[in-house]
Amino acid sequence: TIVLVEDDPASRQSLAMVLESEGARVVAAADAEAGIEAALDLAPDVVI
């Protein structure tokens, strides 16, 4: 499980697609507040 926090929509989408193509469950967020909320809820394996 990966929480990906990136404000650039194109970068966020392309990185999420790459990670998902490798089998990861990706939750993408556009800002730190949404990212920390996702990370605290999910306790992910990885935060990018």
All heavy atoms as atom14 arrays in JSON, in Angstrom:
{
  "sequence": "TIVLVEDDPASRQSLAMVLESEGARVVAAADAEAGIEAALDLAPDVVI",
  "atom14_mask": [
    [1, 1, 1, 1, 1, 1, 1, 0, 0, 0, 0, 0, 0, 0],
    [1, 1, 1, 1, 1, 1, 1, 1, 0, 0, 0, 0, 0, 0],
    [1, 1, 1, 1, 1, 1, 1, 0, 0, 0, 0, 0, 0, 0],
    [1, 1, 1, 1, 1, 1, 1, 1, 0, 0, 0, 0, 0, 0],
    [1, 1, 1, 1, 1, 1, 1, 0, 0, 0, 0, 0, 0, 0],
    [1, 1, 1, 1, 1, 1, 1, 1, 1, 0, 0, 0, 0, 0],
    [1, 1, 1, 1, 1, 1, 1, 1, 0, 0, 0, 0, 0, 0],
    [1, 1, 1, 1, 1, 1, 1, 1, 0, 0, 0, 0, 0, 0],
    [1, 1, 1, 1, 1, 1, 1, 0, 0, 0, 0, 0, 0, 0],
    [1, 1, 1, 1, 1, 0, 0, 0, 0, 0, 0, 0, 0, 0],
    [1, 1, 1, 1, 1, 1, 0, 0, 0, 0, 0, 0, 0, 0],
    [1, 1, 1, 1, 1, 1, 1, 1, 1, 1, 1, 0, 0, 0],
    [1, 1, 1, 1, 1, 1, 1, 1, 1, 0, 0, 0, 0, 0],
    [1, 1, 1, 1, 1, 1, 0, 0, 0, 0, 0, 0, 0, 0],
    [1, 1, 1, 1, 1, 1, 1, 1, 0, 0, 0, 0, 0, 0],
    [1, 1, 1, 1, 1, 0, 0, 0, 0, 0, 0, 0, 0, 0],
    [1, 1, 1, 1, 1, 1, 1, 1, 0, 0, 0, 0, 0, 0],
    [1, 1, 1, 1, 1, 1, 1, 0, 0, 0, 0, 0, 0, 0],
    [1, 1, 1, 1, 1, 1, 1, 1, 0, 0, 0, 0, 0, 0],
    [1, 1, 1, 1, 1, 1, 1, 1, 1, 0, 0, 0, 0, 0],
    [1, 1, 1, 1, 1, 1, 0, 0, 0, 0, 0, 0, 0, 0],
    [1, 1, 1, 1, 1, 1, 1, 1, 1, 0, 0, 0, 0, 0],
    [1, 1, 1, 1, 0, 0, 0, 0, 0, 0, 0, 0, 0, 0],
    [1, 1, 1, 1, 1, 0, 0, 0, 0, 0, 0, 0, 0, 0],
    [1, 1, 1, 1, 1, 1, 1, 1, 1, 1, 1, 0, 0, 0],
    [1, 1, 1, 1, 1, 1, 1, 0, 0, 0, 0, 0, 0, 0],
    [1, 1, 1, 1, 1, 1, 1, 0, 0, 0, 0, 0, 0, 0],
    [1, 1, 1, 1, 1, 0, 0, 0, 0, 0, 0, 0, 0, 0],
    [1, 1, 1, 1, 1, 0, 0, 0, 0, 0, 0, 0, 0, 0],
    [1, 1, 1, 1, 1, 0, 0, 0, 0, 0, 0, 0, 0, 0],
    [1, 1, 1, 1, 1, 1, 1, 1, 0, 0, 0, 0, 0, 0],
    [1, 1, 1, 1, 1, 0, 0, 0, 0, 0, 0, 0, 0, 0],
    [1, 1, 1, 1, 1, 1, 1, 1, 1, 0, 0, 0, 0, 0],
    [1, 1, 1, 1, 1, 0, 0, 0, 0, 0, 0, 0, 0, 0],
    [1, 1, 1, 1, 0, 0, 0, 0, 0, 0, 0, 0, 0, 0],
    [1, 1, 1, 1, 1, 1, 1, 1, 0, 0, 0, 0, 0, 0],
    [1, 1, 1, 1, 1, 1, 1, 1, 1, 0, 0, 0, 0, 0],
    [1, 1, 1, 1, 1, 0, 0, 0, 0, 0, 0, 0, 0, 0],
    [1, 1, 1, 1, 1, 0, 0, 0, 0, 0, 0, 0, 0, 0],
    [1, 1, 1, 1, 1, 1, 1, 1, 0, 0, 0, 0, 0, 0],
    [1, 1, 1, 1, 1, 1, 1, 1, 0, 0, 0, 0, 0, 0],
    [1, 1, 1, 1, 1, 1, 1, 1, 0, 0, 0, 0, 0, 0],
    [1, 1, 1, 1, 1, 0, 0, 0, 0, 0, 0, 0, 0, 0],
    [1, 1, 1, 1, 1, 1, 1, 0, 0, 0, 0, 0, 0, 0],
    [1, 1, 1, 1, 1, 1, 1, 1, 0, 0, 0, 0, 0, 0],
    [1, 1, 1, 1, 1, 1, 1, 0, 0, 0, 0, 0, 0, 0],
    [1, 1, 1, 1, 1, 1, 1, 0, 0, 0, 0, 0, 0, 0],
    [1, 1, 1, 1, 1, 1, 1, 1, 0, 0, 0, 0, 0, 0]
  ],
  "atom14_positions": [
    [[0.86, -1.19, 0.0], [0.0, 0.0, 0.0], [0.89, 1.24, 0.0], [1.79, 1.36, 0.83], [-0.92, 0.02, 1.24], [-1.74, -1.15, 1.21], [-1.81, 1.25, 1.24], [0.0, 0.0, 0.0], [0.0, 0.0, 0.0], [0.0, 0.0, 0.0], [0.0, 0.0, 0.0], [0.0, 0.0, 0.0], [0.0, 0.0, 0.0], [0.0, 0.0, 0.0]],
    [[0.62, 2.12, -0.95], [1.44, 3.33, -1.13], [0.55, 4.56, -1.09], [-0.47, 4.61, -1.77], [2.19, 3.3, -2.47], [3.14, 2.09, -2.53], [2.96, 4.61, -2.7], [3.81, 1.88, -3.88], [0.0, 0.0, 0.0], [0.0, 0.0, 0.0], [0.0, 0.0, 0.0], [0.0, 0.0, 0.0], [0.0, 0.0, 0.0], [0.0, 0.0, 0.0]],
    [[0.95, 5.55, -0.29], [0.33, 6.87, -0.35], [1.28, 7.74, -1.16], [2.45, 7.88, -0.8], [0.07, 7.46, 1.05], [-0.37, 8.92, 0.94], [-0.99, 6.65, 1.78], [0.0, 0.0, 0.0], [0.0, 0.0, 0.0], [0.0, 0.0, 0.0], [0.0, 0.0, 0.0], [0.0, 0.0, 0.0], [0.0, 0.0, 0.0], [0.0, 0.0, 0.0]],
    [[0.76, 8.29, -2.25], [1.54, 9.13, -3.16], [1.02, 10.56, -3.05], [-0.16, 10.81, -3.28], [1.38, 8.61, -4.59], [1.88, 9.5, -5.72], [3.39, 9.68, -5.65], [1.48, 8.91, -7.07], [0.0, 0.0, 0.0], [0.0, 0.0, 0.0], [0.0, 0.0, 0.0], [0.0, 0.0, 0.0], [0.0, 0.0, 0.0], [0.0, 0.0, 0.0]],
    [[1.89, 11.49, -2.66], [1.5, 12.88, -2.49], [2.28, 13.73, -3.49], [3.5, 13.87, -3.37], [1.75, 13.38, -1.05], [1.18, 14.78, -0.87], [1.16, 12.41, -0.04], [0.0, 0.0, 0.0], [0.0, 0.0, 0.0], [0.0, 0.0, 0.0], [0.0, 0.0, 0.0], [0.0, 0.0, 0.0], [0.0, 0.0, 0.0], [0.0, 0.0, 0.0]],
    [[1.57, 14.25, -4.48], [2.19, 15.03, -5.56], [1.16, 16.03, -6.06], [0.05, 15.65, -6.4], [2.63, 14.07, -6.68], [3.0, 14.7, -7.99], [4.18, 15.65, -7.91], [5.32, 15.19, -7.74], [3.95, 16.88, -8.02], [0.0, 0.0, 0.0], [0.0, 0.0, 0.0], [0.0, 0.0, 0.0], [0.0, 0.0, 0.0], [0.0, 0.0, 0.0]],
    [[1.53, 17.32, -6.08], [0.56, 18.33, -6.48], [0.42, 18.49, -7.99], [-0.59, 19.0, -8.46], [0.87, 19.69, -5.82], [2.22, 20.24, -6.21], [3.18, 19.45, -6.34], [2.34, 21.47, -6.34], [0.0, 0.0, 0.0], [0.0, 0.0, 0.0], [0.0, 0.0, 0.0], [0.0, 0.0, 0.0], [0.0, 0.0, 0.0], [0.0, 0.0, 0.0]],
    [[1.4, 18.01, -8.75], [1.29, 18.1, -10.21], [0.43, 16.93, -10.72], [0.83, 15.76, -10.57], [2.67, 18.05, -10.86], [2.58, 18.08, -12.37], [2.18, 19.12, -12.92], [2.88, 17.04, -12.99], [0.0, 0.0, 0.0], [0.0, 0.0, 0.0], [0.0, 0.0, 0.0], [0.0, 0.0, 0.0], [0.0, 0.0, 0.0], [0.0, 0.0, 0.0]],
    [[-0.74, 17.22, -11.32], [-1.66, 16.15, -11.73], [-1.04, 15.13, -12.7], [-1.25, 13.94, -12.55], [-2.83, 16.88, -12.4], [-2.75, 18.28, -11.9], [-1.3, 18.55, -11.6], [0.0, 0.0, 0.0], [0.0, 0.0, 0.0], [0.0, 0.0, 0.0], [0.0, 0.0, 0.0], [0.0, 0.0, 0.0], [0.0, 0.0, 0.0], [0.0, 0.0, 0.0]],
    [[-0.26, 15.6, -13.66], [0.33, 14.68, -14.64], [1.35, 13.75, -13.97], [1.36, 12.54, -14.22], [0.98, 15.46, -15.77], [0.0, 0.0, 0.0], [0.0, 0.0, 0.0], [0.0, 0.0, 0.0], [0.0, 0.0, 0.0], [0.0, 0.0, 0.0], [0.0, 0.0, 0.0], [0.0, 0.0, 0.0], [0.0, 0.0, 0.0], [0.0, 0.0, 0.0]],
    [[2.19, 14.31, -13.12], [3.18, 13.49, -12.4], [2.49, 12.49, -11.47], [2.87, 11.33, -11.39], [4.11, 14.37, -11.56], [4.88, 15.19, -12.39], [0.0, 0.0, 0.0], [0.0, 0.0, 0.0], [0.0, 0.0, 0.0], [0.0, 0.0, 0.0], [0.0, 0.0, 0.0], [0.0, 0.0, 0.0], [0.0, 0.0, 0.0], [0.0, 0.0, 0.0]],
    [[1.47, 12.98, -10.76], [0.72, 12.12, -9.82], [0.11, 10.95, -10.57], [0.23, 9.8, -10.15], [-0.35, 12.95, -9.11], [-1.07, 12.21, -8.01], [-1.97, 13.12, -7.19], [-3.01, 13.76, -7.97], [-3.1, 15.08, -8.2], [-2.21, 15.91, -7.69], [-4.09, 15.57, -8.92], [0.0, 0.0, 0.0], [0.0, 0.0, 0.0], [0.0, 0.0, 0.0]],
    [[-0.52, 11.23, -11.7], [-1.18, 10.17, -12.46], [-0.18, 9.18, -13.05], [-0.38, 7.97, -12.97], [-2.03, 10.78, -13.58], [-2.81, 9.74, -14.36], [-3.7, 10.36, -15.43], [-3.62, 11.54, -15.72], [-4.55, 9.54, -16.01], [0.0, 0.0, 0.0], [0.0, 0.0, 0.0], [0.0, 0.0, 0.0], [0.0, 0.0, 0.0], [0.0, 0.0, 0.0]],
    [[0.92, 9.68, -13.61], [1.87, 8.76, -14.25], [2.57, 7.89, -13.2], [2.75, 6.69, -13.42], [2.89, 9.51, -15.11], [3.7, 10.34, -14.33], [0.0, 0.0, 0.0], [0.0, 0.0, 0.0], [0.0, 0.0, 0.0], [0.0, 0.0, 0.0], [0.0, 0.0, 0.0], [0.0, 0.0, 0.0], [0.0, 0.0, 0.0], [0.0, 0.0, 0.0]],
    [[2.94, 8.47, -12.05], [3.56, 7.66, -11.0], [2.58, 6.63, -10.45], [2.95, 5.47, -10.22], [4.08, 8.55, -9.87], [5.37, 9.31, -10.14], [5.67, 10.28, -9.0], [6.53, 8.37, -10.36], [0.0, 0.0, 0.0], [0.0, 0.0, 0.0], [0.0, 0.0, 0.0], [0.0, 0.0, 0.0], [0.0, 0.0, 0.0], [0.0, 0.0, 0.0]],
    [[1.34, 7.03, -10.24], [0.33, 6.08, -9.74], [0.14, 4.92, -10.72], [0.07, 3.76, -10.3], [-1.0, 6.8, -9.5], [0.0, 0.0, 0.0], [0.0, 0.0, 0.0], [0.0, 0.0, 0.0], [0.0, 0.0, 0.0], [0.0, 0.0, 0.0], [0.0, 0.0, 0.0], [0.0, 0.0, 0.0], [0.0, 0.0, 0.0], [0.0, 0.0, 0.0]],
    [[0.11, 5.23, -12.02], [-0.07, 4.17, -13.02], [1.1, 3.19, -13.0], [0.9, 1.97, -13.07], [-0.23, 4.77, -14.42], [-1.61, 5.36, -14.64], [-1.79, 6.23, -16.23], [-1.0, 5.15, -17.38], [0.0, 0.0, 0.0], [0.0, 0.0, 0.0], [0.0, 0.0, 0.0], [0.0, 0.0, 0.0], [0.0, 0.0, 0.0], [0.0, 0.0, 0.0]],
    [[2.32, 3.7, -12.9], [3.5, 2.83, -12.86], [3.45, 1.92, -11.63], [3.65, 0.71, -11.72], [4.81, 3.67, -12.84], [6.01, 2.82, -12.47], [5.01, 4.35, -14.18], [0.0, 0.0, 0.0], [0.0, 0.0, 0.0], [0.0, 0.0, 0.0], [0.0, 0.0, 0.0], [0.0, 0.0, 0.0], [0.0, 0.0, 0.0], [0.0, 0.0, 0.0]],
    [[3.16, 2.5, -10.47], [3.12, 1.72, -9.23], [2.0, 0.69, -9.25], [2.19, -0.46, -8.83], [2.99, 2.67, -8.04], [4.17, 3.64, -7.85], [3.8, 4.73, -6.86], [5.43, 2.91, -7.43], [0.0, 0.0, 0.0], [0.0, 0.0, 0.0], [0.0, 0.0, 0.0], [0.0, 0.0, 0.0], [0.0, 0.0, 0.0], [0.0, 0.0, 0.0]],
    [[0.84, 1.09, -9.76], [-0.29, 0.15, -9.86], [0.02, -0.98, -10.85], [-0.39, -2.12, -10.64], [-1.56, 0.89, -10.25], [-2.11, 1.72, -9.09], [-3.22, 2.68, -9.51], [-3.4, 2.93, -10.72], [-3.89, 3.2, -8.59], [0.0, 0.0, 0.0], [0.0, 0.0, 0.0], [0.0, 0.0, 0.0], [0.0, 0.0, 0.0], [0.0, 0.0, 0.0]],
    [[0.74, -0.67, -11.91], [1.09, -1.71, -12.9], [2.02, -2.76, -12.29], [2.12, -3.87, -12.8], [1.72, -1.09, -14.14], [3.06, -0.69, -13.88], [0.0, 0.0, 0.0], [0.0, 0.0, 0.0], [0.0, 0.0, 0.0], [0.0, 0.0, 0.0], [0.0, 0.0, 0.0], [0.0, 0.0, 0.0], [0.0, 0.0, 0.0], [0.0, 0.0, 0.0]],
    [[2.68, -2.4, -11.18], [3.55, -3.35, -10.47], [2.8, -4.05, -9.34], [3.39, -4.77, -8.55], [4.78, -2.62, -9.91], [5.74, -2.15, -10.97], [6.48, -3.29, -11.67], [6.55, -4.4, -11.12], [6.99, -3.05, -12.78], [0.0, 0.0, 0.0], [0.0, 0.0, 0.0], [0.0, 0.0, 0.0], [0.0, 0.0, 0.0], [0.0, 0.0, 0.0]],
    [[1.48, -3.79, -9.24], [0.65, -4.5, -8.27], [0.34, -3.75, -6.99], [-0.36, -4.25, -6.12], [0.0, 0.0, 0.0], [0.0, 0.0, 0.0], [0.0, 0.0, 0.0], [0.0, 0.0, 0.0], [0.0, 0.0, 0.0], [0.0, 0.0, 0.0], [0.0, 0.0, 0.0], [0.0, 0.0, 0.0], [0.0, 0.0, 0.0], [0.0, 0.0, 0.0]],
    [[0.85, -2.53, -6.84], [0.62, -1.77, -5.61], [-0.79, -1.21, -5.54], [-1.41, -0.94, -6.57], [1.62, -0.61, -5.52], [0.0, 0.0, 0.0], [0.0, 0.0, 0.0], [0.0, 0.0, 0.0], [0.0, 0.0, 0.0], [0.0, 0.0, 0.0], [0.0, 0.0, 0.0], [0.0, 0.0, 0.0], [0.0, 0.0, 0.0], [0.0, 0.0, 0.0]],
    [[-1.27, -1.04, -4.33], [-2.51, -0.3, -4.08], [-2.07, 1.13, -3.8], [-1.36, 1.39, -2.82], [-3.24, -0.88, -2.87], [-4.44, -0.05, -2.47], [-5.11, -0.63, -1.23], [-6.17, 0.26, -0.81], [-6.42, 0.56, 0.45], [-5.71, 0.02, 1.43], [-7.4, 1.37, 0.76], [0.0, 0.0, 0.0], [0.0, 0.0, 0.0], [0.0, 0.0, 0.0]],
    [[-2.46, 2.06, -4.67], [-2.0, 3.44, -4.56], [-3.16, 4.36, -4.2], [-4.21, 4.33, -4.84], [-1.35, 3.93, -5.88], [-0.91, 5.37, -5.77], [-0.18, 3.03, -6.27], [0.0, 0.0, 0.0], [0.0, 0.0, 0.0], [0.0, 0.0, 0.0], [0.0, 0.0, 0.0], [0.0, 0.0, 0.0], [0.0, 0.0, 0.0], [0.0, 0.0, 0.0]],
    [[-2.95, 5.18, -3.17], [-3.88, 6.24, -2.83], [-3.12, 7.53, -3.1], [-2.09, 7.8, -2.49], [-4.32, 6.16, -1.35], [-5.21, 7.34, -1.0], [-5.04, 4.84, -1.09], [0.0, 0.0, 0.0], [0.0, 0.0, 0.0], [0.0, 0.0, 0.0], [0.0, 0.0, 0.0], [0.0, 0.0, 0.0], [0.0, 0.0, 0.0], [0.0, 0.0, 0.0]],
    [[-3.62, 8.3, -4.08], [-2.93, 9.52, -4.49], [-3.6, 10.74, -3.88], [-4.83, 10.81, -3.8], [-2.93, 9.61, -6.02], [0.0, 0.0, 0.0], [0.0, 0.0, 0.0], [0.0, 0.0, 0.0], [0.0, 0.0, 0.0], [0.0, 0.0, 0.0], [0.0, 0.0, 0.0], [0.0, 0.0, 0.0], [0.0, 0.0, 0.0], [0.0, 0.0, 0.0]],
    [[-2.77, 11.7, -3.46], [-3.27, 12.94, -2.87], [-2.53, 14.11, -3.51], [-1.37, 13.99, -3.89], [-3.03, 12.93, -1.37], [0.0, 0.0, 0.0], [0.0, 0.0, 0.0], [0.0, 0.0, 0.0], [0.0, 0.0, 0.0], [0.0, 0.0, 0.0], [0.0, 0.0, 0.0], [0.0, 0.0, 0.0], [0.0, 0.0, 0.0], [0.0, 0.0, 0.0]],
    [[-3.22, 15.25, -3.59], [-2.65, 16.43, -4.25], [-1.98, 17.4, -3.27], [-1.31, 18.33, -3.7], [-3.73, 17.15, -5.04], [0.0, 0.0, 0.0], [0.0, 0.0, 0.0], [0.0, 0.0, 0.0], [0.0, 0.0, 0.0], [0.0, 0.0, 0.0], [0.0, 0.0, 0.0], [0.0, 0.0, 0.0], [0.0, 0.0, 0.0], [0.0, 0.0, 0.0]],
    [[-2.16, 17.2, -1.97], [-1.56, 18.12, -1.01], [-1.23, 17.38, 0.3], [-1.65, 16.25, 0.5], [-2.46, 19.33, -0.74], [-3.82, 18.94, -0.2], [-3.9, 18.16, 0.78], [-4.83, 19.42, -0.75], [0.0, 0.0, 0.0], [0.0, 0.0, 0.0], [0.0, 0.0, 0.0], [0.0, 0.0, 0.0], [0.0, 0.0, 0.0], [0.0, 0.0, 0.0]],
    [[-0.46, 18.05, 1.15], [0.01, 17.41, 2.39], [-1.14, 17.04, 3.32], [-1.1, 15.99, 3.96], [1.01, 18.33, 3.1], [0.0, 0.0, 0.0], [0.0, 0.0, 0.0], [0.0, 0.0, 0.0], [0.0, 0.0, 0.0], [0.0, 0.0, 0.0], [0.0, 0.0, 0.0], [0.0, 0.0, 0.0], [0.0, 0.0, 0.0], [0.0, 0.0, 0.0]],
    [[-2.15, 17.87, 3.4], [-3.26, 17.58, 4.32], [-3.99, 16.3, 3.92], [-4.25, 15.43, 4.75], [-4.22, 18.77, 4.38], [-5.09, 18.77, 5.61], [-4.33, 18.75, 6.94], [-3.42, 19.56, 7.15], [-4.67, 17.88, 7.77], [0.0, 0.0, 0.0], [0.0, 0.0, 0.0], [0.0, 0.0, 0.0], [0.0, 0.0, 0.0], [0.0, 0.0, 0.0]],
    [[-4.32, 16.17, 2.63], [-4.97, 14.94, 2.15], [-4.02, 13.75, 2.26], [-4.44, 12.64, 2.57], [-5.43, 15.12, 0.7], [0.0, 0.0, 0.0], [0.0, 0.0, 0.0], [0.0, 0.0, 0.0], [0.0, 0.0, 0.0], [0.0, 0.0, 0.0], [0.0, 0.0, 0.0], [0.0, 0.0, 0.0], [0.0, 0.0, 0.0], [0.0, 0.0, 0.0]],
    [[-2.74, 14.0, 2.03], [-1.75, 12.92, 2.13], [-1.6, 12.4, 3.55], [-1.56, 11.19, 3.77], [0.0, 0.0, 0.0], [0.0, 0.0, 0.0], [0.0, 0.0, 0.0], [0.0, 0.0, 0.0], [0.0, 0.0, 0.0], [0.0, 0.0, 0.0], [0.0, 0.0, 0.0], [0.0, 0.0, 0.0], [0.0, 0.0, 0.0], [0.0, 0.0, 0.0]],
    [[-1.53, 13.3, 4.52], [-1.39, 12.85, 5.91], [-2.66, 12.15, 6.37], [-2.61, 11.15, 7.09], [-0.96, 13.99, 6.87], [-0.49, 13.41, 8.2], [-2.05, 14.99, 7.12], [0.73, 12.53, 8.13], [0.0, 0.0, 0.0], [0.0, 0.0, 0.0], [0.0, 0.0, 0.0], [0.0, 0.0, 0.0], [0.0, 0.0, 0.0], [0.0, 0.0, 0.0]],
    [[-3.81, 12.64, 5.94], [-5.07, 11.99, 6.29], [-5.08, 10.54, 5.77], [-5.43, 9.61, 6.5], [-6.23, 12.78, 5.68], [-7.59, 12.4, 6.22], [-8.67, 13.33, 5.67], [-8.6, 14.55, 5.93], [-9.55, 12.8, 4.99], [0.0, 0.0, 0.0], [0.0, 0.0, 0.0], [0.0, 0.0, 0.0], [0.0, 0.0, 0.0], [0.0, 0.0, 0.0]],
    [[-4.68, 10.37, 4.51], [-4.63, 9.02, 3.92], [-3.61, 8.15, 4.66], [-3.88, 6.98, 4.97], [-4.29, 9.1, 2.44], [0.0, 0.0, 0.0], [0.0, 0.0, 0.0], [0.0, 0.0, 0.0], [0.0, 0.0, 0.0], [0.0, 0.0, 0.0], [0.0, 0.0, 0.0], [0.0, 0.0, 0.0], [0.0, 0.0, 0.0], [0.0, 0.0, 0.0]],
    [[-2.44, 8.72, 4.95], [-1.4, 7.94, 5.62], [-1.81, 7.53, 7.03], [-1.55, 6.4, 7.45], [-0.1, 8.75, 5.65], [0.0, 0.0, 0.0], [0.0, 0.0, 0.0], [0.0, 0.0, 0.0], [0.0, 0.0, 0.0], [0.0, 0.0, 0.0], [0.0, 0.0, 0.0], [0.0, 0.0, 0.0], [0.0, 0.0, 0.0], [0.0, 0.0, 0.0]],
    [[-2.48, 8.42, 7.76], [-2.91, 8.07, 9.12], [-4.03, 7.04, 9.09], [-4.1, 6.17, 9.95], [-3.35, 9.32, 9.88], [-2.25, 10.37, 10.12], [-2.81, 11.54, 10.92], [-1.02, 9.79, 10.78], [0.0, 0.0, 0.0], [0.0, 0.0, 0.0], [0.0, 0.0, 0.0], [0.0, 0.0, 0.0], [0.0, 0.0, 0.0], [0.0, 0.0, 0.0]],
    [[-4.91, 7.11, 8.09], [-6.0, 6.14, 7.95], [-5.5, 4.76, 7.55], [-5.96, 3.75, 8.06], [-7.02, 6.61, 6.91], [-7.91, 7.73, 7.41], [-7.88, 8.04, 8.62], [-8.62, 8.32, 6.57], [0.0, 0.0, 0.0], [0.0, 0.0, 0.0], [0.0, 0.0, 0.0], [0.0, 0.0, 0.0], [0.0, 0.0, 0.0], [0.0, 0.0, 0.0]],
    [[-4.55, 4.72, 6.6], [-4.15, 3.46, 5.99], [-2.94, 2.78, 6.62], [-2.76, 1.58, 6.42], [-3.83, 3.69, 4.5], [-4.97, 4.16, 3.62], [-4.43, 4.57, 2.26], [-6.01, 3.07, 3.49], [0.0, 0.0, 0.0], [0.0, 0.0, 0.0], [0.0, 0.0, 0.0], [0.0, 0.0, 0.0], [0.0, 0.0, 0.0], [0.0, 0.0, 0.0]],
    [[-2.1, 3.55, 7.33], [-0.81, 3.02, 7.8], [-0.13, 2.3, 6.64], [0.1, 1.09, 6.68], [-1.01, 2.09, 9.0], [0.0, 0.0, 0.0], [0.0, 0.0, 0.0], [0.0, 0.0, 0.0], [0.0, 0.0, 0.0], [0.0, 0.0, 0.0], [0.0, 0.0, 0.0], [0.0, 0.0, 0.0], [0.0, 0.0, 0.0], [0.0, 0.0, 0.0]],
    [[0.22, 3.03, 5.57], [0.76, 2.41, 4.36], [2.16, 1.83, 4.56], [2.85, 2.17, 5.52], [0.81, 3.58, 3.37], [1.04, 4.77, 4.24], [0.23, 4.49, 5.49], [0.0, 0.0, 0.0], [0.0, 0.0, 0.0], [0.0, 0.0, 0.0], [0.0, 0.0, 0.0], [0.0, 0.0, 0.0], [0.0, 0.0, 0.0], [0.0, 0.0, 0.0]],
    [[2.54, 0.98, 3.62], [3.9, 0.44, 3.62], [4.89, 1.51, 3.16], [6.03, 1.55, 3.62], [3.99, -0.75, 2.66], [3.02, -1.85, 3.03], [3.17, -2.42, 4.12], [2.09, -2.11, 2.24], [0.0, 0.0, 0.0], [0.0, 0.0, 0.0], [0.0, 0.0, 0.0], [0.0, 0.0, 0.0], [0.0, 0.0, 0.0], [0.0, 0.0, 0.0]],
    [[4.42, 2.36, 2.23], [5.3, 3.34, 1.59], [4.57, 4.68, 1.47], [3.37, 4.71, 1.16], [5.71, 2.88, 0.17], [6.61, 3.9, -0.51], [6.39, 1.51, 0.22], [0.0, 0.0, 0.0], [0.0, 0.0, 0.0], [0.0, 0.0, 0.0], [0.0, 0.0, 0.0], [0.0, 0.0, 0.0], [0.0, 0.0, 0.0], [0.0, 0.0, 0.0]],
    [[5.31, 5.77, 1.69], [4.82, 7.11, 1.4], [5.81, 7.75, 0.43], [7.01, 7.78, 0.72], [4.7, 7.97, 2.67], [4.34, 9.41, 2.32], [3.66, 7.39, 3.62], [0.0, 0.0, 0.0], [0.0, 0.0, 0.0], [0.0, 0.0, 0.0], [0.0, 0.0, 0.0], [0.0, 0.0, 0.0], [0.0, 0.0, 0.0], [0.0, 0.0, 0.0]],
    [[5.31, 8.2, -0.7], [6.12, 8.93, -1.67], [5.57, 10.35, -1.66], [4.38, 10.55, -1.89], [6.0, 8.33, -3.08], [6.44, 6.86, -3.06], [6.82, 9.15, -4.08], [6.1, 6.11, -4.34], [0.0, 0.0, 0.0], [0.0, 0.0, 0.0], [0.0, 0.0, 0.0], [0.0, 0.0, 0.0], [0.0, 0.0, 0.0], [0.0, 0.0, 0.0]]
  ]
}
